Amino acid sequence: MTLFDKNDVITIHSTGEQSTSGAFLWYLAHPYSGNVTANFESTNAIAAKLFARHVVFYSPISMTHPIHEKGLTLKLFKGAEWEKWLQFDYVMMQKCNGLLLCPGWKRSKGCLRELDVFKTDLKPVMFVDHDGNTLYHDPEGDL
């Protein structure tokens, strides 16, 4: 029994074109520090819209925030604890084919580090609007 037909999966290419010719795994980067609860909710709202569009992605905040809430400490931007989370995320970044950056990424140390990994690996980077419905290339040409 198949959970979905591979032709139902939409691939968004680095050119912005869509096709159903095989899955492309995106890494969904969203700011986390500051109001972590609001950022978790924002991430999941965007993730739900991408999922509804059949975009295949990995959302690190959607996965790791509940772990953090269960009592694991996360000293944001400090020392060995943050490095553990980055090592975990790095493994997942290597598995993904491209990066989707959410609003606020320019002010996020984590998103900037994720962007650096994908640029270094020459993997495509695209951007997601607040509504989670629009994927686009950087309109300001910042990359």
C-alpha atoms as a PDB file:
ATOM      1  CA  MET A   1       0.000   0.000   0.000  1.00  0.00           C
ATOM      2  CA  THR A   2       1.370   3.401  -0.958  1.00  0.00           C
ATOM      3  CA  LEU A   3       0.764   6.416   1.252  1.00  0.00           C
ATOM      4  CA  PHE A   4       0.956   8.764  -1.707  1.00  0.00           C
ATOM      5  CA  ASP A   5       1.559   8.604  -5.384  1.00  0.00           C
ATOM      6  CA  LYS A   6       4.958  10.041  -6.299  1.00  0.00           C
ATOM      7  CA  ASN A   7       3.158  12.097  -8.940  1.00  0.00           C
ATOM      8  CA  ASP A   8       1.309  13.907  -6.137  1.00  0.00           C
ATOM      9  CA  VAL A   9       4.560  15.269  -4.711  1.00  0.00           C
ATOM     10  CA  ILE A  10       5.423  18.705  -6.006  1.00  0.00           C
ATOM     11  CA  THR A  11       9.048  19.507  -6.559  1.00  0.00           C
ATOM     12  CA  ILE A  12       9.915  23.179  -6.443  1.00  0.00           C
ATOM     13  CA  HIS A  13      13.121  23.577  -8.397  1.00  0.00           C
ATOM     14  CA  SER A  14      15.728  26.210  -7.679  1.00  0.00           C
ATOM     15  CA  THR A  15      14.338  28.087 -10.686  1.00  0.00           C
ATOM     16  CA  GLY A  16      10.968  28.368  -8.935  1.00  0.00           C
ATOM     17  CA  GLU A  17       9.333  25.990 -11.409  1.00  0.00           C
ATOM     18  CA  GLN A  18       7.231  23.151 -10.068  1.00  0.00           C
ATOM     19  CA  SER A  19       7.011  19.594 -11.291  1.00  0.00           C
ATOM     20  CA  THR A  20       5.975  16.193 -10.053  1.00  0.00           C
ATOM     21  CA  SER A  21       9.067  14.383 -11.317  1.00  0.00           C
ATOM     22  CA  GLY A  22      10.428  13.186  -7.987  1.00  0.00           C
ATOM     23  CA  ALA A  23      10.788  14.590  -4.506  1.00  0.00           C
ATOM     24  CA  PHE A  24      13.172  17.396  -3.651  1.00  0.00           C
ATOM     25  CA  LEU A  25      13.794  17.656   0.098  1.00  0.00           C
ATOM     26  CA  TRP A  26      13.833  21.216   1.433  1.00  0.00           C
ATOM     27  CA  TYR A  27      15.185  22.364   4.810  1.00  0.00           C
ATOM     28  CA  LEU A  28      12.769  24.885   6.359  1.00  0.00           C
ATOM     29  CA  ALA A  29      14.749  27.530   8.278  1.00  0.00           C
ATOM     30  CA  HIS A  30      12.859  29.872  10.610  1.00  0.00           C
ATOM     31  CA  PRO A  31      14.131  32.105  13.448  1.00  0.00           C
ATOM     32  CA  TYR A  32      13.742  30.479  16.870  1.00  0.00           C
ATOM     33  CA  SER A  33      15.194  32.647  19.643  1.00  0.00           C
ATOM     34  CA  GLY A  34      13.266  35.476  21.231  1.00  0.00           C
ATOM     35  CA  ASN A  35       9.688  34.300  21.613  1.00  0.00           C
ATOM     36  CA  VAL A  36      10.253  30.589  21.013  1.00  0.00           C
ATOM     37  CA  THR A  37       6.563  29.720  21.419  1.00  0.00           C
ATOM     38  CA  ALA A  38       5.457  32.274  18.809  1.00  0.00           C
ATOM     39  CA  ASN A  39       8.266  31.200  16.467  1.00  0.00           C
ATOM     40  CA  PHE A  40       7.257  27.539  16.884  1.00  0.00           C
ATOM     41  CA  GLU A  41       3.661  28.447  15.994  1.00  0.00           C
ATOM     42  CA  SER A  42       4.761  30.562  13.019  1.00  0.00           C
ATOM     43  CA  THR A  43       7.019  27.779  11.743  1.00  0.00           C
ATOM     44  CA  ASN A  44       4.234  25.231  11.949  1.00  0.00           C
ATOM     45  CA  ALA A  45       1.722  27.519  10.237  1.00  0.00           C
ATOM     46  CA  ILE A  46       4.113  27.885   7.296  1.00  0.00           C
ATOM     47  CA  ALA A  47       4.936  24.161   7.389  1.00  0.00           C
ATOM     48  CA  ALA A  48       1.231  23.262   7.242  1.00  0.00           C
ATOM     49  CA  LYS A  49       0.753  25.384   4.134  1.00  0.00           C
ATOM     50  CA  LEU A  50       3.798  23.836   2.464  1.00  0.00           C
ATOM     51  CA  PHE A  51       2.568  20.359   3.398  1.00  0.00           C
ATOM     52  CA  ALA A  52      -0.853  21.133   1.905  1.00  0.00           C
ATOM     53  CA  ARG A  53       0.951  22.025  -1.334  1.00  0.00           C
ATOM     54  CA  HIS A  54       2.759  18.658  -1.244  1.00  0.00           C
ATOM     55  CA  VAL A  55       6.145  20.296  -0.768  1.00  0.00           C
ATOM     56  CA  VAL A  56       8.536  17.820   0.835  1.00  0.00           C
ATOM     57  CA  PHE A  57      10.563  19.420   3.622  1.00  0.00           C
ATOM     58  CA  TYR A  58      12.241  18.922   6.977  1.00  0.00           C
ATOM     59  CA  SER A  59      11.338  21.477   9.671  1.00  0.00           C
ATOM     60  CA  PRO A  60      13.937  21.440  12.472  1.00  0.00           C
ATOM     61  CA  ILE A  61      11.948  23.729  14.776  1.00  0.00           C
ATOM     62  CA  SER A  62       8.815  21.591  14.372  1.00  0.00           C
ATOM     63  CA  MET A  63      10.836  18.579  15.469  1.00  0.00           C
ATOM     64  CA  THR A  64      13.197  19.949  18.102  1.00  0.00           C
ATOM     65  CA  HIS A  65      11.008  22.498  19.927  1.00  0.00           C
ATOM     66  CA  PRO A  66       8.937  19.743  21.604  1.00  0.00           C
ATOM     67  CA  ILE A  67      12.186  18.060  22.687  1.00  0.00           C
ATOM     68  CA  HIS A  68      13.366  21.375  24.127  1.00  0.00           C
ATOM     69  CA  GLU A  69      10.027  21.807  25.939  1.00  0.00           C
ATOM     70  CA  LYS A  70      10.408  18.394  27.599  1.00  0.00           C
ATOM     71  CA  GLY A  71      13.253  19.686  29.696  1.00  0.00           C
ATOM     72  CA  LEU A  72      16.410  19.656  27.645  1.00  0.00           C
ATOM     73  CA  THR A  73      18.222  22.913  28.133  1.00  0.00           C
ATOM     74  CA  LEU A  74      18.945  25.089  25.157  1.00  0.00           C
ATOM     75  CA  LYS A  75      21.264  27.944  25.994  1.00  0.00           C
ATOM     76  CA  LEU A  76      20.734  29.851  22.809  1.00  0.00           C
ATOM     77  CA  PHE A  77      23.919  31.015  21.117  1.00  0.00           C
ATOM     78  CA  LYS A  78      26.101  29.818  23.991  1.00  0.00           C
ATOM     79  CA  GLY A  79      28.641  27.075  24.336  1.00  0.00           C
ATOM     80  CA  ALA A  80      28.480  23.355  23.973  1.00  0.00           C
ATOM     81  CA  GLU A  81      24.699  22.971  24.327  1.00  0.00           C
ATOM     82  CA  TRP A  82      23.975  25.094  21.257  1.00  0.00           C
ATOM     83  CA  GLU A  83      26.745  23.283  19.368  1.00  0.00           C
ATOM     84  CA  LYS A  84      24.966  19.943  20.032  1.00  0.00           C
ATOM     85  CA  TRP A  85      21.826  21.262  18.361  1.00  0.00           C
ATOM     86  CA  LEU A  86      23.844  22.634  15.443  1.00  0.00           C
ATOM     87  CA  GLN A  87      25.564  19.284  14.931  1.00  0.00           C
ATOM     88  CA  PHE A  88      22.164  17.591  14.811  1.00  0.00           C
ATOM     89  CA  ASP A  89      20.858  20.181  12.352  1.00  0.00           C
ATOM     90  CA  TYR A  90      23.999  19.905  10.213  1.00  0.00           C
ATOM     91  CA  VAL A  91      23.376  16.189   9.632  1.00  0.00           C
ATOM     92  CA  MET A  92      19.859  17.015   8.489  1.00  0.00           C
ATOM     93  CA  MET A  93      21.100  19.862   6.262  1.00  0.00           C
ATOM     94  CA  GLN A  94      23.365  17.406   4.478  1.00  0.00           C
ATOM     95  CA  LYS A  95      20.341  15.222   3.693  1.00  0.00           C
ATOM     96  CA  CYS A  96      18.337  18.110   2.229  1.00  0.00           C
ATOM     97  CA  ASN A  97      18.599  19.335  -1.350  1.00  0.00           C
ATOM     98  CA  GLY A  98      17.835  23.004  -0.739  1.00  0.00           C
ATOM     99  CA  LEU A  99      16.974  25.676   1.810  1.00  0.00           C
ATOM    100  CA  LEU A 100      13.690  27.534   2.359  1.00  0.00           C
ATOM    101  CA  LEU A 101      14.210  30.679   4.445  1.00  0.00           C
ATOM    102  CA  CYS A 102      11.298  32.146   6.399  1.00  0.00           C
ATOM    103  CA  PRO A 103      10.722  35.823   7.227  1.00  0.00           C
ATOM    104  CA  GLY A 104      13.092  37.228   9.841  1.00  0.00           C
ATOM    105  CA  TRP A 105      16.021  35.114   8.656  1.00  0.00           C
ATOM    106  CA  LYS A 106      18.360  38.107   8.322  1.00  0.00           C
ATOM    107  CA  ARG A 107      18.161  38.704  12.098  1.00  0.00           C
ATOM    108  CA  SER A 108      18.607  35.047  13.055  1.00  0.00           C
ATOM    109  CA  LYS A 109      22.042  33.698  13.913  1.00  0.00           C
ATOM    110  CA  GLY A 110      20.792  30.161  13.284  1.00  0.00           C
ATOM    111  CA  CYS A 111      19.247  30.952   9.895  1.00  0.00           C
ATOM    112  CA  LEU A 112      22.399  32.769   8.811  1.00  0.00           C
ATOM    113  CA  ARG A 113      24.487  29.746   9.770  1.00  0.00           C
ATOM    114  CA  GLU A 114      22.116  27.446   7.876  1.00  0.00           C
ATOM    115  CA  LEU A 115      22.294  29.740   4.850  1.00  0.00           C
ATOM    116  CA  ASP A 116      26.080  29.590   4.972  1.00  0.00           C
ATOM    117  CA  VAL A 117      25.997  25.765   4.897  1.00  0.00           C
ATOM    118  CA  PHE A 118      23.693  25.655   1.884  1.00  0.00           C
ATOM    119  CA  LYS A 119      25.639  28.338   0.004  1.00  0.00           C
ATOM    120  CA  THR A 120      28.922  26.534   0.718  1.00  0.00           C
ATOM    121  CA  ASP A 121      27.415  23.284  -0.572  1.00  0.00           C
ATOM    122  CA  LEU A 122      26.074  25.140  -3.657  1.00  0.00           C
ATOM    123  CA  LYS A 123      22.519  24.043  -2.890  1.00  0.00           C
ATOM    124  CA  PRO A 124      19.560  26.202  -3.965  1.00  0.00           C
ATOM    125  CA  VAL A 125      18.051  28.735  -1.591  1.00  0.00           C
ATOM    126  CA  MET A 126      14.509  30.057  -1.813  1.00  0.00           C
ATOM    127  CA  PHE A 127      12.372  32.257   0.411  1.00  0.00           C
ATOM    128  CA  VAL A 128       8.912  31.831   1.916  1.00  0.00           C
ATOM    129  CA  ASP A 129       6.472  34.698   2.513  1.00  0.00           C
ATOM    130  CA  HIS A 130       4.641  35.131   5.836  1.00  0.00           C
ATOM    131  CA  ASP A 131       1.609  33.472   4.298  1.00  0.00           C
ATOM    132  CA  GLY A 132       3.587  30.300   3.581  1.00  0.00           C
ATOM    133  CA  ASN A 133       2.020  30.166   0.133  1.00  0.00           C
ATOM    134  CA  THR A 134       4.644  32.029  -1.872  1.00  0.00           C
ATOM    135  CA  LEU A 135       8.095  30.717  -2.646  1.00  0.00           C
ATOM    136  CA  TYR A 136      10.480  33.052  -4.407  1.00  0.00           C
ATOM    137  CA  HIS A 137      14.088  33.887  -5.084  1.00  0.00           C
ATOM    138  CA  ASP A 138      15.625  36.695  -3.072  1.00  0.00           C
ATOM    139  CA  PRO A 139      13.986  39.846  -4.457  1.00  0.00           C
ATOM    140  CA  GLU A 140      16.785  42.045  -3.124  1.00  0.00           C
ATOM    141  CA  GLY A 141      19.574  39.979  -4.600  1.00  0.00           C
ATOM    142  CA  ASP A 142      21.226  39.687  -1.191  1.00  0.00           C
ATOM    143  CA  LEU A 143      22.742  36.292  -1.786  1.00  0.00           C
END
